[in-house]
Protein backbone atom coordinates (compact mmCIF):
# COMPACT_ATOMS: atom_id res chain seq x y z
CA MET A 1 15.81 13.81 -16.75
CA ILE A 2 12.42 13.36 -18.41
CA ALA A 3 11.23 11.11 -15.58
CA GLU A 4 12.39 13.62 -12.95
CA GLY A 5 10.61 16.47 -14.73
CA LEU A 6 7.41 14.46 -15.01
CA ALA A 7 7.62 13.41 -11.35
CA GLU A 8 8.24 17.04 -10.31
CA LYS A 9 5.22 18.26 -12.28
CA SER A 10 3.03 15.45 -10.95
CA LEU A 11 4.01 15.98 -7.30
CA ASN A 12 3.58 19.74 -7.57
CA HIS A 13 0.21 19.28 -9.30
CA LEU A 14 -0.97 17.12 -6.39
CA LEU A 15 0.37 19.71 -3.92
CA ARG A 16 -1.63 22.44 -5.71
CA GLN A 17 -4.79 20.33 -5.46
CA SER A 18 -4.29 19.80 -1.71
CA PRO A 19 -4.88 22.99 0.30
CA GLY A 20 -2.12 23.73 2.81
CA ALA A 21 0.26 21.05 1.52
CA ALA A 22 2.88 23.36 0.01
CA GLU A 23 2.61 25.71 3.00
CA ALA A 24 3.47 22.82 5.33
CA LEU A 25 6.68 22.20 3.37
CA LEU A 26 7.78 25.86 3.57
CA ARG A 27 9.49 25.36 6.94
CA HIS A 28 11.76 22.78 5.28
CA THR A 29 12.84 25.05 2.42
CA GLY A 30 16.20 24.00 1.02
CA MET A 31 16.05 20.46 2.41
CA SER A 32 16.37 17.56 0.01
CA VAL A 33 14.29 14.46 -0.60
CA ARG A 34 15.28 11.37 -2.55
CA PHE A 35 12.72 8.94 -3.93
CA ASP A 36 14.59 5.66 -4.40
CA LEU A 37 12.63 3.66 -6.97
CA GLY A 38 15.16 0.84 -7.19
CA LEU A 39 16.21 1.27 -10.80
CA ALA A 40 16.14 5.06 -10.61
CA GLN A 41 16.49 7.77 -8.02
CA LEU A 42 14.56 11.01 -8.16
CA ASP A 43 16.16 13.84 -6.19
CA PHE A 44 14.26 16.99 -5.23
CA ARG A 45 14.86 20.05 -3.13
CA ILE A 46 12.04 21.89 -1.41
CA ALA A 47 11.93 25.28 -3.10
CA ASP A 48 11.17 28.68 -1.55
CA ASP A 49 7.50 28.35 -2.52
CA GLY A 50 7.06 24.96 -0.79
CA TYR A 51 7.00 22.97 -4.01
CA PHE A 52 9.50 20.37 -5.21
CA SER A 53 12.25 21.19 -7.70
CA VAL A 54 14.60 18.70 -9.36
CA ALA A 55 18.09 18.89 -7.82
CA VAL A 56 21.38 17.02 -7.80
CA ILE A 57 21.90 15.69 -4.27
CA ASP A 58 24.81 13.79 -2.75
CA SER A 59 23.26 13.02 0.61
CA PRO A 60 19.50 13.62 0.96
CA ASP A 61 17.86 14.85 4.15
CA ALA A 62 15.07 12.33 3.63
CA LEU A 63 14.95 9.06 1.73
CA ILE A 64 11.67 7.55 0.62
CA ARG A 65 11.45 4.15 -1.00
CA PRO A 66 8.00 3.83 -2.56
CA THR A 67 6.86 0.45 -3.78
CA VAL A 68 5.06 -0.42 -7.00
CA ARG A 69 1.97 -1.14 -4.91
CA LEU A 70 2.09 2.40 -3.51
CA PHE A 71 2.16 3.97 -6.99
CA ALA A 72 -0.72 1.80 -8.13
CA ARG A 73 -2.85 2.65 -5.11
CA LEU A 74 -1.95 6.31 -4.46
CA PRO A 75 -4.34 7.98 -6.94
CA PHE A 76 -7.27 5.95 -5.65
CA LEU A 77 -6.58 5.24 -1.99
CA GLY A 78 -4.47 8.23 -0.95
CA ARG A 79 -3.65 7.86 2.74
CA GLU A 80 -3.98 4.05 2.82
CA ALA A 81 -1.45 3.58 0.02
CA LEU A 82 1.33 5.36 1.92
CA ARG A 83 1.78 2.41 4.26
CA ASP A 84 3.67 0.76 1.41
CA ALA A 85 6.73 3.04 1.58
CA ASP A 86 9.96 3.01 3.57
CA TYR A 87 11.00 6.34 5.15
CA GLN A 88 14.51 7.28 6.43
CA GLY A 89 16.21 10.55 7.37
CA ASP A 90 15.45 13.78 9.25
CA PRO A 91 12.50 13.05 11.60
CA ALA A 92 10.91 16.52 11.36
CA LEU A 93 11.07 16.52 7.55
CA LEU A 94 9.75 12.96 7.38
CA ALA A 95 6.87 13.80 9.72
CA THR A 96 5.92 16.76 7.53
CA LEU A 97 6.25 14.73 4.34
CA ASP A 98 4.12 11.99 5.89
CA ARG A 99 1.37 14.47 6.78
CA VAL A 100 1.55 16.15 3.37
CA PHE A 101 1.57 12.91 1.38
CA LYS A 102 -1.36 11.54 3.39
CA GLN A 103 -3.53 14.47 2.37
CA LEU A 104 -2.65 14.30 -1.32
CA ARG A 105 -5.55 13.27 -3.48
CA TRP A 106 -5.74 13.43 -7.22
CA ASP A 107 -8.84 15.37 -8.24
CA VAL A 108 -9.45 13.50 -11.47
CA GLU A 109 -12.67 15.36 -12.21
CA ALA A 110 -10.97 18.76 -11.95
CA ASP A 111 -8.29 17.65 -14.42
CA LEU A 112 -10.77 16.15 -16.88
CA ALA A 113 -13.37 18.94 -16.75
CA PRO A 114 -11.50 21.50 -18.95
CA ARG A 115 -11.02 18.85 -21.63
CA VAL A 116 -14.39 17.10 -21.67
CA GLY A 117 -16.73 19.27 -19.58
CA ASP A 118 -18.00 18.97 -16.02
CA ILE A 119 -20.71 16.38 -16.59
CA ALA A 120 -18.56 14.10 -18.74
CA ALA A 121 -15.67 14.43 -16.24
CA HIS A 122 -17.97 13.43 -13.39
CA ARG A 123 -19.27 10.44 -15.34
CA LEU A 124 -15.80 9.33 -16.49
CA HIS A 125 -14.51 9.54 -12.93
CA GLY A 126 -17.47 7.50 -11.74
CA LEU A 127 -16.88 4.91 -14.46
CA GLY A 128 -13.20 4.66 -13.52
CA ARG A 129 -14.00 4.33 -9.82
CA ASP A 130 -16.65 1.68 -10.56
CA ALA A 131 -14.26 -0.21 -12.86
CA ILE A 132 -11.61 -0.32 -10.13
CA ALA A 133 -14.18 -1.44 -7.54
CA GLY A 134 -15.36 -4.11 -9.98
CA LEU A 135 -11.80 -5.36 -10.50
CA GLN A 136 -11.21 -5.46 -6.75
CA GLY A 137 -14.44 -7.41 -6.28
CA MET A 138 -13.54 -9.77 -9.12
CA PHE A 139 -10.11 -10.54 -7.64
CA ALA A 140 -11.61 -11.02 -4.17
CA ALA A 141 -14.19 -13.45 -5.57
CA LEU A 142 -11.49 -15.23 -7.56
CA GLY A 143 -9.45 -15.66 -4.38
CA ARG A 144 -12.46 -17.03 -2.47
CA ASN A 145 -13.35 -19.38 -5.32
CA ALA A 146 -9.77 -20.64 -5.65
CA GLY A 147 -9.61 -21.27 -1.91
CA GLU A 148 -12.93 -23.10 -1.98
CA TYR A 149 -11.81 -25.20 -4.95
CA ILE A 150 -8.53 -26.15 -3.25
CA VAL A 151 -10.33 -27.19 -0.06
CA GLU A 152 -13.57 -28.69 -1.35
CA GLU A 153 -13.02 -29.95 -4.89
CA ALA A 154 -9.35 -30.73 -5.35
CA GLU A 155 -8.96 -31.70 -1.69
CA ILE A 156 -5.41 -30.38 -1.73
CA MET A 157 -6.00 -28.74 1.64
CA ALA A 158 -8.10 -30.00 4.50
CA ARG A 159 -11.10 -28.10 5.77
CA SER A 160 -10.60 -26.47 9.17
CA VAL A 161 -13.40 -28.65 10.62
CA ASP A 162 -11.60 -31.80 9.46
CA VAL A 163 -8.27 -30.58 10.87
CA ALA A 164 -9.88 -29.81 14.24
CA ARG A 165 -11.55 -33.25 14.33
CA PHE A 166 -8.26 -34.95 13.42
CA ASN A 167 -6.43 -33.05 16.18
CA THR A 168 -9.09 -34.07 18.73
CA GLU A 169 -8.80 -37.72 17.66
CA VAL A 170 -4.99 -37.61 17.87
CA ASP A 171 -5.21 -36.13 21.37
CA ALA A 172 -7.71 -38.84 22.43
CA LEU A 173 -5.43 -41.54 20.95
CA ALA A 174 -2.40 -40.10 22.78
CA ASP A 175 -4.37 -40.11 26.06
CA ALA A 176 -5.49 -43.72 25.49
CA ALA A 177 -1.91 -44.77 24.69
CA ALA A 178 -0.67 -43.10 27.89
CA ARG A 179 -3.36 -44.91 29.96
CA LEU A 180 -2.47 -48.24 28.32
CA GLU A 181 1.21 -47.67 29.01
CA ALA A 182 0.39 -46.90 32.68
CA ARG A 183 -1.65 -50.13 32.99
CA LEU A 184 1.13 -52.17 31.42
CA ALA A 185 3.62 -50.62 33.82
CA ARG A 186 1.37 -51.60 36.81
CA LEU A 187 1.02 -55.17 35.52
CA ASP A 188 4.80 -55.51 35.14
CA SER A 189 5.43 -54.45 38.73
């Protein structure tokens, strides 16, 4: 129940920070949504005010299966992260949820400002954004370096130029073998 309460508060907080999001859900008042997280299921009903409220649901109107990757990316990438979910259920509700979830963005600065002040919140948000960009760059460089090592140094994989040259030589050898076989067939006859 603690997880459901935290999820409810978090979702509703994001809805409050996204103008028009709760209003879009108003036309689906009373409908239910289940977030299937694998080990746990979070069930919500869309309340009269357009926000989510924890509910006990037998058969949800919409089923959303977010992935771990989605949760990791959602606060930073918003719309792009939502590709990593599986949606099932009422098409109109799912279309609305898709539109609403795509516009959700966590305003980190607005949440930090009352605690640390506007300037510090802006700087902390910038530091966090830069740290994430640095990590992404580091992992991209690591991937490139590992690929280069595998191809060039360890020679576990062939370079694409070498593979293309090998394929050309195999084709030329196959053509030469076919010509030789044709000559031998003419000599036998």
